Amino acid sequence: MSDDDEFVETMRRNEEAIQRVQDAAAKGVKIPLFDDILAEIRQSNEFLARILKLLESRPH
C-alpha cells in the first residue's frame, strides 16, 4: 500500500468513526467528550489531507 493509499484509507476510517459516534449519540448513548472526539478526528483528517496534497504534488 502506497503512502497515498494509506492516508486515504485512514481518512476513510476516520469518517466512519465520526459516523459511528454520531449514530450512537443520535440513539441517546452518552459519550463523554463527544465534541472533543469529533474535533480530534476531523483535525486528523485535515492533517492527512494536507499531507496527501503534498505527496500528490511531489515529482514522480
C-alpha atoms as a PDB file:
ATOM      1  CA  MET A   1       0.000   0.000   0.000  1.00  0.00           C
ATOM      2  CA  SER A   2       1.440   3.365  -1.001  1.00  0.00           C
ATOM      3  CA  ASP A   3       1.597   6.337   1.347  1.00  0.00           C
ATOM      4  CA  ASP A   4      -1.217   7.955  -0.641  1.00  0.00           C
ATOM      5  CA  ASP A   5      -3.420   4.873  -0.263  1.00  0.00           C
ATOM      6  CA  GLU A   6      -2.625   4.635   3.432  1.00  0.00           C
ATOM      7  CA  PHE A   7      -3.610   8.270   4.055  1.00  0.00           C
ATOM      8  CA  VAL A   8      -6.835   7.864   2.078  1.00  0.00           C
ATOM      9  CA  GLU A   9      -7.668   4.685   3.990  1.00  0.00           C
ATOM     10  CA  THR A  10      -7.012   6.384   7.333  1.00  0.00           C
ATOM     11  CA  MET A  11      -9.218   9.300   6.327  1.00  0.00           C
ATOM     12  CA  ARG A  12     -11.972   6.858   5.313  1.00  0.00           C
ATOM     13  CA  ARG A  13     -11.723   5.082   8.681  1.00  0.00           C
ATOM     14  CA  ASN A  14     -11.835   8.438  10.470  1.00  0.00           C
ATOM     15  CA  GLU A  15     -15.017   9.369   8.604  1.00  0.00           C
ATOM     16  CA  GLU A  16     -16.535   6.001   9.568  1.00  0.00           C
ATOM     17  CA  ALA A  17     -15.584   6.645  13.193  1.00  0.00           C
ATOM     18  CA  ILE A  18     -17.277  10.045  13.081  1.00  0.00           C
ATOM     19  CA  GLN A  19     -20.417   8.415  11.688  1.00  0.00           C
ATOM     20  CA  ARG A  20     -20.442   5.700  14.391  1.00  0.00           C
ATOM     21  CA  VAL A  21     -20.063   8.303  17.150  1.00  0.00           C
ATOM     22  CA  GLN A  22     -22.832  10.445  15.645  1.00  0.00           C
ATOM     23  CA  ASP A  23     -25.107   7.398  15.228  1.00  0.00           C
ATOM     24  CA  ALA A  24     -24.555   6.377  18.842  1.00  0.00           C
ATOM     25  CA  ALA A  25     -25.266   9.901  20.057  1.00  0.00           C
ATOM     26  CA  ALA A  26     -28.452  10.003  17.956  1.00  0.00           C
ATOM     27  CA  LYS A  27     -29.603   6.831  19.715  1.00  0.00           C
ATOM     28  CA  GLY A  28     -29.117   8.543  23.070  1.00  0.00           C
ATOM     29  CA  VAL A  29     -25.829   6.919  24.020  1.00  0.00           C
ATOM     30  CA  LYS A  30     -23.967   9.241  26.355  1.00  0.00           C
ATOM     31  CA  ILE A  31     -20.446   9.722  25.019  1.00  0.00           C
ATOM     32  CA  PRO A  32     -18.029  11.580  27.287  1.00  0.00           C
ATOM     33  CA  LEU A  33     -16.151  14.321  25.451  1.00  0.00           C
ATOM     34  CA  PHE A  34     -18.277  13.759  22.322  1.00  0.00           C
ATOM     35  CA  ASP A  35     -17.397  17.102  20.725  1.00  0.00           C
ATOM     36  CA  ASP A  36     -13.722  16.688  21.607  1.00  0.00           C
ATOM     37  CA  ILE A  37     -13.617  13.257  19.972  1.00  0.00           C
ATOM     38  CA  LEU A  38     -15.182  14.536  16.756  1.00  0.00           C
ATOM     39  CA  ALA A  39     -12.884  17.560  16.683  1.00  0.00           C
ATOM     40  CA  GLU A  40      -9.801  15.358  17.062  1.00  0.00           C
ATOM     41  CA  ILE A  41     -10.907  13.018  14.270  1.00  0.00           C
ATOM     42  CA  ARG A  42     -11.691  15.929  11.959  1.00  0.00           C
ATOM     43  CA  GLN A  43      -8.361  17.571  12.758  1.00  0.00           C
ATOM     44  CA  SER A  44      -6.607  14.295  11.934  1.00  0.00           C
ATOM     45  CA  ASN A  45      -8.394  14.154   8.569  1.00  0.00           C
ATOM     46  CA  GLU A  46      -7.446  17.755   7.780  1.00  0.00           C
ATOM     47  CA  PHE A  47      -3.818  16.982   8.593  1.00  0.00           C
ATOM     48  CA  LEU A  48      -3.873  13.830   6.460  1.00  0.00           C
ATOM     49  CA  ALA A  49      -5.468  15.739   3.581  1.00  0.00           C
ATOM     50  CA  ARG A  50      -2.640  18.303   3.689  1.00  0.00           C
ATOM     51  CA  ILE A  51      -0.015  15.545   3.692  1.00  0.00           C
ATOM     52  CA  LEU A  52      -1.773  13.771   0.823  1.00  0.00           C
ATOM     53  CA  LYS A  53      -1.838  17.004  -1.177  1.00  0.00           C
ATOM     54  CA  LEU A  54       1.910  17.423  -0.599  1.00  0.00           C
ATOM     55  CA  LEU A  55       2.552  13.825  -1.640  1.00  0.00           C
ATOM     56  CA  GLU A  56       0.481  14.269  -4.789  1.00  0.00           C
ATOM     57  CA  SER A  57       2.423  17.392  -5.743  1.00  0.00           C
ATOM     58  CA  ARG A  58       5.825  15.723  -5.428  1.00  0.00           C
ATOM     59  CA  PRO A  59       7.732  14.880  -8.592  1.00  0.00           C
ATOM     60  CA  HIS A  60       7.174  11.309  -9.730  1.00  0.00           C
END
